[in-house]
């Protein structure tokens, strides 16, 4: 359990810290709220490398805190590249929503339609896995499905392959009827990316660019980095407190957790989600819906699968309560980074935070800080 500073202790700490002076938003209240929240989360996390982006309507606040690399003396900024981990899942949800709007697929299209020859997708009581099951962690699949354990010192992501994912079905059955149990599954989102690729006739990375990152100009939201992008990568700290190795992830992980991004790219993406224009309205409507309420599920297991009020297309949906509006949230953690994004579409507010440190206790404070920030910026 993380320790969140009391207001008095936090104010005392802030008085001793040189906070960024640059104000990025036009609205003073947004600047004040975002700056205070950023400093609070940064101090609570132990002052690691951190970037934060806040969008309210057309107004934007972007800030970097800490150092790009230990000892560099250089602050991160909106162009600094971070791993967004499982935030990749809500981007996959966007691709899925766009393809539904484009009449390429339906939400309940069976996974069996996209399985390679020789692979049979099992069913329970006549109910097989569909694409919505994969996108809402309710396909009755385990968290991971690697082919084998990685050898010490080698890239741990090399064991994840598309062939290995499909071959899992040759030796395993489903424990539950799809749609009845929520179990957080990176494996399921890898299969979703595979199914979308087969439906779209192109690798998933190309579909991501075609439907989402390309139109929005998100040039740094990618799975594999160029040499130039590698130079802008923030340094992350892993579980053991040591600098994380910049392992390259396998393409099968792009839909589940393999993407990188920047605060500036996430601003472009959040602005699209918070827009109310006709362009993209159908895809946004599909992307923001609650599809699998926790109410009625036999069980909900795993990080995020058991929180909020249910699942959207990768999103954890939390219904409004008190002064807190409806929030769509998603966390991600991978190789030295923990990130969180939350949207309040009805209030046109979005917040993205990425911290160069793996620490689940720390992350609890970030989650609370983001939701508190959205609440403070929401009109009463």
Protein backbone atom coordinates (compact mmCIF):
# COMPACT_ATOMS: atom_id res chain seq x y z
CA UNK A 1 0.00 0.00 0.00
CA UNK A 2 1.44 3.38 -0.98
CA UNK A 3 1.71 6.29 1.42
CA UNK A 4 0.05 9.40 0.02
CA UNK A 5 1.40 12.67 1.44
CA UNK A 6 -0.99 14.65 3.61
CA UNK A 7 -1.78 18.14 2.27
CA UNK A 8 0.41 19.76 4.94
CA UNK A 9 3.37 17.46 4.28
CA UNK A 10 2.95 17.82 0.54
CA UNK A 11 2.88 21.61 0.69
CA UNK A 12 6.03 21.58 2.80
CA UNK A 13 7.72 19.27 0.28
CA UNK A 14 6.64 21.39 -2.65
CA UNK A 15 8.15 24.45 -1.03
CA UNK A 16 11.54 22.73 -1.14
CA UNK A 17 11.32 21.52 -4.73
CA UNK A 18 12.12 23.57 -7.81
CA UNK A 19 8.97 23.01 -9.84
CA UNK A 20 8.71 23.72 -13.57
CA UNK A 21 7.75 27.35 -14.11
CA UNK A 22 6.53 27.06 -17.69
CA UNK A 23 2.75 27.19 -17.96
CA UNK A 24 1.49 25.29 -20.98
CA UNK A 25 -2.26 25.78 -20.69
CA UNK A 26 -4.10 29.04 -21.29
CA UNK A 27 -6.46 28.47 -18.38
CA UNK A 28 -4.92 29.40 -15.02
CA UNK A 29 -7.00 26.89 -13.05
CA UNK A 30 -5.88 24.07 -15.34
CA UNK A 31 -2.24 25.09 -14.93
CA UNK A 32 -2.52 25.29 -11.15
CA UNK A 33 -4.35 21.97 -10.79
CA UNK A 34 -2.13 20.09 -13.25
CA UNK A 35 1.12 21.50 -11.85
CA UNK A 36 0.18 20.64 -8.28
CA UNK A 37 -1.00 17.14 -9.24
CA UNK A 38 2.17 16.50 -11.27
CA UNK A 39 4.42 17.56 -8.42
CA UNK A 40 2.44 15.48 -5.92
CA UNK A 41 2.65 12.32 -8.04
CA UNK A 42 6.33 12.90 -8.80
CA UNK A 43 7.29 13.36 -5.15
CA UNK A 44 5.18 10.40 -4.06
CA UNK A 45 6.92 8.27 -6.70
CA UNK A 46 10.40 9.19 -5.45
CA UNK A 47 11.24 11.77 -8.17
CA UNK A 48 11.80 9.45 -11.15
CA UNK A 49 11.65 10.50 -14.80
CA UNK A 50 8.03 11.44 -15.48
CA UNK A 51 5.86 13.05 -18.14
CA UNK A 52 2.29 14.23 -17.77
CA UNK A 53 -0.24 15.53 -20.29
CA UNK A 54 -3.62 17.02 -19.42
CA UNK A 55 -6.28 17.97 -21.96
CA UNK A 56 -9.44 19.91 -21.21
CA UNK A 57 -11.34 20.87 -24.32
CA UNK A 58 -8.81 22.58 -26.59
CA UNK A 59 -6.50 23.51 -23.72
CA UNK A 60 -3.39 21.42 -23.08
CA UNK A 61 -0.83 21.09 -20.30
CA UNK A 62 2.35 19.03 -20.88
CA UNK A 63 5.21 18.77 -18.42
CA UNK A 64 8.27 16.66 -17.71
CA UNK A 65 9.87 16.12 -14.32
CA UNK A 66 13.05 14.42 -13.15
CA UNK A 67 15.87 13.56 -15.55
CA UNK A 68 15.81 11.86 -18.93
CA UNK A 69 18.65 9.62 -17.70
CA UNK A 70 20.10 9.43 -14.17
CA UNK A 71 22.60 12.25 -13.82
CA UNK A 72 21.81 13.89 -17.17
CA UNK A 73 20.40 17.05 -15.61
CA UNK A 74 17.96 17.24 -18.53
CA UNK A 75 14.22 17.29 -17.89
CA UNK A 76 11.88 15.15 -19.99
CA UNK A 77 9.42 16.90 -22.30
CA UNK A 78 6.54 16.19 -24.65
CA UNK A 79 8.91 14.57 -27.16
CA UNK A 80 10.46 12.13 -24.66
CA UNK A 81 9.63 8.54 -25.53
CA UNK A 82 8.24 6.14 -22.95
CA UNK A 83 6.86 2.63 -22.93
CA UNK A 84 3.08 2.75 -22.50
CA UNK A 85 2.73 -0.99 -21.85
CA UNK A 86 -0.89 -2.10 -21.63
CA UNK A 87 -2.19 1.27 -22.75
CA UNK A 88 -1.54 -0.43 -26.09
CA UNK A 89 -4.79 -2.31 -25.42
CA UNK A 90 -7.03 0.73 -25.67
CA UNK A 91 -5.32 1.66 -28.93
CA UNK A 92 -6.17 -1.84 -30.15
CA UNK A 93 -9.72 -1.12 -29.05
CA UNK A 94 -9.65 2.00 -31.23
CA UNK A 95 -8.50 -0.03 -34.23
CA UNK A 96 -11.27 -2.54 -33.54
CA UNK A 97 -13.90 0.22 -33.24
CA UNK A 98 -12.71 1.85 -36.47
CA UNK A 99 -12.87 -1.47 -38.31
CA UNK A 100 -16.40 -2.07 -37.03
CA UNK A 101 -17.41 1.41 -38.20
CA UNK A 102 -15.69 0.64 -41.51
CA UNK A 103 -17.79 -2.55 -41.82
CA UNK A 104 -14.67 -4.75 -41.90
CA UNK A 105 -15.69 -6.74 -38.81
CA UNK A 106 -18.46 -6.98 -36.24
CA UNK A 107 -17.99 -6.85 -32.48
CA UNK A 108 -19.19 -10.42 -32.07
CA UNK A 109 -17.28 -11.92 -34.99
CA UNK A 110 -16.06 -15.39 -33.91
CA UNK A 111 -12.33 -15.83 -33.39
CA UNK A 112 -12.59 -19.13 -35.25
CA UNK A 113 -13.18 -17.17 -38.47
CA UNK A 114 -9.59 -15.91 -38.31
CA UNK A 115 -7.81 -19.00 -36.99
CA UNK A 116 -5.06 -20.54 -39.17
CA UNK A 117 -5.70 -23.84 -40.89
CA UNK A 118 -5.44 -26.73 -38.45
CA UNK A 119 -6.33 -24.65 -35.38
CA UNK A 120 -9.71 -25.23 -33.76
CA UNK A 121 -11.03 -22.66 -31.29
CA UNK A 122 -12.80 -24.53 -28.47
CA UNK A 123 -16.22 -23.65 -27.11
CA UNK A 124 -18.09 -24.22 -23.84
CA UNK A 125 -21.79 -25.14 -23.97
CA UNK A 126 -21.76 -24.17 -27.63
CA UNK A 127 -20.35 -20.70 -26.97
CA UNK A 128 -17.02 -19.91 -28.63
CA UNK A 129 -14.73 -16.89 -28.30
CA UNK A 130 -15.64 -13.72 -30.18
CA UNK A 131 -13.70 -10.51 -30.71
CA UNK A 132 -15.61 -8.66 -27.98
CA UNK A 133 -14.66 -11.36 -25.50
CA UNK A 134 -10.98 -10.75 -26.32
CA UNK A 135 -11.31 -6.97 -26.00
CA UNK A 136 -13.05 -7.19 -22.61
CA UNK A 137 -10.84 -9.84 -20.95
CA UNK A 138 -13.75 -12.27 -20.89
CA UNK A 139 -12.60 -14.96 -23.33
CA UNK A 140 -11.62 -17.47 -20.59
CA UNK A 141 -7.94 -17.20 -21.52
CA UNK A 142 -4.89 -17.09 -19.22
CA UNK A 143 -2.82 -13.98 -18.68
CA UNK A 144 0.10 -15.17 -20.84
CA UNK A 145 0.80 -17.99 -23.29
CA UNK A 146 4.52 -18.11 -24.15
CA UNK A 147 5.97 -21.08 -26.00
CA UNK A 148 8.74 -21.54 -23.44
CA UNK A 149 10.76 -19.73 -20.81
CA UNK A 150 13.39 -17.28 -22.00
CA UNK A 151 17.00 -18.12 -21.20
CA UNK A 152 18.67 -15.86 -18.62
CA UNK A 153 20.24 -12.83 -20.24
CA UNK A 154 18.25 -13.13 -23.47
CA UNK A 155 15.38 -10.99 -24.69
CA UNK A 156 12.38 -12.17 -22.59
CA UNK A 157 9.94 -11.14 -25.31
CA UNK A 158 11.36 -13.39 -28.01
CA UNK A 159 9.35 -16.32 -26.62
CA UNK A 160 6.09 -14.67 -27.71
CA UNK A 161 5.12 -15.51 -31.30
CA UNK A 162 1.91 -15.55 -33.31
CA UNK A 163 2.44 -19.26 -34.02
CA UNK A 164 2.77 -19.98 -30.32
CA UNK A 165 -0.41 -18.08 -29.55
CA UNK A 166 -2.50 -20.06 -32.03
CA UNK A 167 -0.86 -23.36 -31.10
CA UNK A 168 -2.02 -22.89 -27.49
CA UNK A 169 -5.46 -24.06 -28.58
CA UNK A 170 -4.11 -27.40 -29.77
CA UNK A 171 -3.33 -28.50 -26.21
CA UNK A 172 -5.72 -26.50 -24.04
CA UNK A 173 -9.42 -26.11 -23.44
CA UNK A 174 -11.46 -23.24 -22.03
CA UNK A 175 -12.27 -23.42 -18.34
CA UNK A 176 -15.29 -21.12 -18.52
CA UNK A 177 -17.97 -20.12 -20.97
CA UNK A 178 -16.71 -17.00 -22.77
CA UNK A 179 -18.40 -13.82 -21.59
CA UNK A 180 -19.07 -15.08 -18.06
CA UNK A 181 -15.72 -14.58 -16.26
CA UNK A 182 -13.29 -11.65 -16.44
CA UNK A 183 -9.59 -12.61 -16.35
CA UNK A 184 -6.98 -10.08 -17.40
CA UNK A 185 -5.27 -11.51 -20.49
CA UNK A 186 -2.36 -10.14 -22.50
CA UNK A 187 -2.68 -13.35 -24.49
CA UNK A 188 -6.24 -12.44 -25.45
CA UNK A 189 -5.23 -9.05 -26.78
CA UNK A 190 -2.42 -10.61 -28.79
CA UNK A 191 -5.04 -12.82 -30.43
CA UNK A 192 -7.25 -9.77 -31.00
CA UNK A 193 -4.40 -8.09 -32.87
CA UNK A 194 -3.93 -11.25 -34.92
CA UNK A 195 -7.64 -11.42 -35.76
CA UNK A 196 -7.77 -7.75 -36.75
CA UNK A 197 -4.72 -8.23 -38.97
CA UNK A 198 -6.32 -11.18 -40.72
CA UNK A 199 -9.59 -9.29 -41.13
CA UNK A 200 -7.80 -6.21 -42.47
CA UNK A 201 -5.42 -8.06 -44.74
CA UNK A 202 -2.35 -6.33 -43.26
CA UNK A 203 -0.07 -6.64 -40.23
CA UNK A 204 -1.57 -5.16 -37.07
CA UNK A 205 1.10 -2.43 -36.98
CA UNK A 206 -0.08 -1.24 -40.41
CA UNK A 207 -3.72 -1.23 -39.29
CA UNK A 208 -2.78 0.80 -36.21
CA UNK A 209 -1.12 3.36 -38.48
CA UNK A 210 -3.98 3.28 -41.01
CA UNK A 211 -6.81 3.78 -38.55
CA UNK A 212 -5.30 5.61 -35.58
CA UNK A 213 -1.73 6.84 -35.37
CA UNK A 214 -1.44 7.91 -39.02
CA UNK A 215 -4.54 10.12 -39.20
CA UNK A 216 -3.72 11.66 -35.80
CA UNK A 217 -0.05 12.31 -36.61
CA UNK A 218 1.22 10.06 -33.78
CA UNK A 219 4.61 9.38 -35.36
CA UNK A 220 6.25 8.22 -32.12
CA UNK A 221 3.55 5.70 -31.15
CA UNK A 222 5.18 2.52 -32.43
CA UNK A 223 6.34 -0.91 -31.39
CA UNK A 224 9.92 -0.75 -32.62
CA UNK A 225 11.99 2.42 -32.32
CA UNK A 226 14.25 4.01 -34.91
CA UNK A 227 17.79 5.02 -33.86
CA UNK A 228 16.60 8.64 -33.60
CA UNK A 229 13.70 7.65 -31.35
CA UNK A 230 15.98 5.52 -29.18
CA UNK A 231 17.95 8.69 -28.36
CA UNK A 232 14.76 10.27 -26.97
CA UNK A 233 13.85 7.26 -24.84
CA UNK A 234 13.65 7.95 -21.11
CA UNK A 235 15.60 5.76 -18.73
CA UNK A 236 13.40 3.45 -16.67
CA UNK A 237 13.98 1.65 -13.37
CA UNK A 238 12.94 -2.01 -13.09
CA UNK A 239 11.61 -4.09 -10.18
CA UNK A 240 15.10 -4.58 -8.75
CA UNK A 241 15.85 -0.86 -8.64
CA UNK A 242 18.36 -1.12 -11.49
CA UNK A 243 18.15 0.56 -14.92
CA UNK A 244 15.80 -1.39 -17.17
CA UNK A 245 17.21 -2.97 -20.32
CA UNK A 246 15.61 -1.50 -23.47
CA UNK A 247 14.44 -4.88 -24.80
CA UNK A 248 12.62 -4.83 -28.14
CA UNK A 249 9.21 -6.51 -27.95
CA UNK A 250 7.83 -9.02 -30.45
CA UNK A 251 5.22 -7.80 -32.93
CA UNK A 252 2.59 -10.12 -31.44
CA UNK A 253 2.68 -7.88 -28.34
CA UNK A 254 1.81 -4.65 -30.20
CA UNK A 255 -1.90 -4.96 -29.43
CA UNK A 256 -1.38 -5.95 -25.79
CA UNK A 257 1.57 -4.00 -24.42
CA UNK A 258 4.44 -3.44 -26.84
CA UNK A 259 3.94 0.19 -27.86
CA UNK A 260 5.97 3.31 -27.11
CA UNK A 261 4.65 6.85 -27.25
CA UNK A 262 5.20 10.45 -26.10
CA UNK A 263 3.13 12.92 -24.11
CA UNK A 264 2.64 14.97 -27.30
CA UNK A 265 1.30 11.95 -29.19
CA UNK A 266 -1.01 11.09 -26.32
CA UNK A 267 -2.36 14.66 -26.41
CA UNK A 268 -3.30 14.20 -30.07
CA UNK A 269 -4.95 10.88 -29.22
CA UNK A 270 -6.84 12.20 -26.17
CA UNK A 271 -8.08 15.20 -28.17
CA UNK A 272 -9.57 12.83 -30.73
CA UNK A 273 -11.31 10.84 -27.98
CA UNK A 274 -12.69 14.01 -26.40
CA UNK A 275 -13.86 15.64 -29.64
CA UNK A 276 -17.55 16.07 -30.35
CA UNK A 277 -17.39 16.57 -34.11
CA UNK A 278 -19.01 14.23 -36.63
CA UNK A 279 -15.71 12.86 -37.91
CA UNK A 280 -15.01 9.61 -36.09
CA UNK A 281 -18.20 9.84 -34.03
CA UNK A 282 -19.25 6.24 -34.67
CA UNK A 283 -15.82 4.83 -33.79
CA UNK A 284 -15.66 6.97 -30.62
CA UNK A 285 -19.12 5.84 -29.57
CA UNK A 286 -18.09 2.21 -29.98
CA UNK A 287 -14.78 2.80 -28.18
CA UNK A 288 -16.37 4.47 -25.13
CA UNK A 289 -19.15 1.97 -24.44
CA UNK A 290 -19.42 -0.37 -21.44
CA UNK A 291 -19.76 -3.90 -22.85
CA UNK A 292 -19.07 -6.25 -19.95
CA UNK A 293 -20.47 -4.97 -16.63
CA UNK A 294 -19.00 -6.66 -13.59
CA UNK A 295 -22.55 -7.14 -12.40
CA UNK A 296 -23.54 -10.68 -13.30
CA UNK A 297 -20.03 -12.05 -13.93
CA UNK A 298 -19.17 -15.24 -12.07
CA UNK A 299 -15.84 -13.70 -11.07
CA UNK A 300 -13.39 -10.95 -12.05
CA UNK A 301 -9.70 -11.70 -11.55
CA UNK A 302 -6.50 -9.79 -12.20
CA UNK A 303 -5.28 -6.21 -12.22
CA UNK A 304 -8.09 -3.97 -13.55
CA UNK A 305 -10.39 -6.86 -14.43
CA UNK A 306 -11.75 -6.60 -10.88
CA UNK A 307 -11.88 -2.79 -10.64
CA UNK A 308 -14.29 -0.18 -11.92
CA UNK A 309 -17.79 -1.16 -12.96
CA UNK A 310 -16.94 -3.16 -16.06
CA UNK A 311 -14.95 -3.35 -19.26
CA UNK A 312 -15.10 -1.48 -22.53
CA UNK A 313 -12.79 -2.07 -25.50
CA UNK A 314 -9.71 -2.37 -23.29
CA UNK A 315 -10.99 0.36 -20.96
CA UNK A 316 -11.91 -0.04 -17.32
CA UNK A 317 -15.18 1.88 -17.04
CA UNK A 318 -15.99 3.58 -13.72
CA UNK A 319 -19.47 5.02 -13.42
CA UNK A 320 -19.96 8.51 -11.91
CA UNK A 321 -20.14 8.85 -8.13
CA UNK A 322 -20.22 11.95 -5.97
CA UNK A 323 -18.34 14.72 -7.79
CA UNK A 324 -16.30 12.23 -9.82
CA UNK A 325 -17.62 11.86 -13.39
CA UNK A 326 -17.67 8.74 -15.55
CA UNK A 327 -14.04 7.75 -16.17
CA UNK A 328 -12.47 5.43 -18.73
CA UNK A 329 -9.10 4.32 -17.38
CA UNK A 330 -6.22 2.09 -18.38
CA UNK A 331 -2.90 1.33 -16.72
CA UNK A 332 0.24 -0.19 -18.16
CA UNK A 333 3.59 -1.35 -16.86
CA UNK A 334 6.52 -2.81 -18.79
CA UNK A 335 10.32 -2.87 -18.49
CA UNK A 336 10.98 0.14 -16.29
CA UNK A 337 7.81 2.13 -16.96
CA UNK A 338 4.37 2.50 -15.46
CA UNK A 339 1.74 4.57 -17.26
CA UNK A 340 -1.87 5.53 -16.79
CA UNK A 341 -4.43 7.26 -18.98
CA UNK A 342 -7.93 8.35 -18.01
CA UNK A 343 -10.66 10.03 -20.02
CA UNK A 344 -13.86 11.71 -18.98
CA UNK A 345 -15.57 12.09 -22.36
CA UNK A 346 -18.65 13.85 -20.97
CA UNK A 347 -16.43 16.48 -19.31
CA UNK A 348 -13.92 16.64 -22.20
CA UNK A 349 -10.99 15.93 -19.88
CA UNK A 350 -8.08 13.54 -20.38
CA UNK A 351 -4.92 12.83 -18.36
CA UNK A 352 -1.86 10.78 -19.30
CA UNK A 353 1.04 10.04 -16.94
CA UNK A 354 4.11 7.89 -17.51
CA UNK A 355 6.76 7.26 -14.86
CA UNK A 356 10.16 5.68 -15.48
CA UNK A 357 9.89 3.27 -12.57
CA UNK A 358 8.21 -0.06 -11.79
CA UNK A 359 6.57 0.19 -8.38
CA UNK A 360 2.98 -0.97 -7.85
CA UNK A 361 2.64 0.80 -4.50
CA UNK A 362 3.73 4.03 -6.15
CA UNK A 363 1.24 3.46 -8.93
CA UNK A 364 -1.70 3.47 -6.54
CA UNK A 365 -0.88 7.09 -5.73
CA UNK A 366 -0.69 7.97 -9.44
CA UNK A 367 -4.07 6.38 -10.10
CA UNK A 368 -5.67 8.33 -7.26
CA UNK A 369 -3.88 11.52 -8.33
CA UNK A 370 -5.20 11.30 -11.89
CA UNK A 371 -8.79 10.65 -10.81
CA UNK A 372 -8.59 13.47 -8.25
CA UNK A 373 -7.27 15.80 -10.95
CA UNK A 374 -10.14 14.92 -13.30
CA UNK A 375 -12.61 15.49 -10.49
CA UNK A 376 -11.12 18.89 -9.62
CA UNK A 377 -11.32 20.01 -13.26
CA UNK A 378 -14.87 18.73 -13.81
CA UNK A 379 -17.65 21.33 -13.76
CA UNK A 380 -20.13 20.82 -10.92
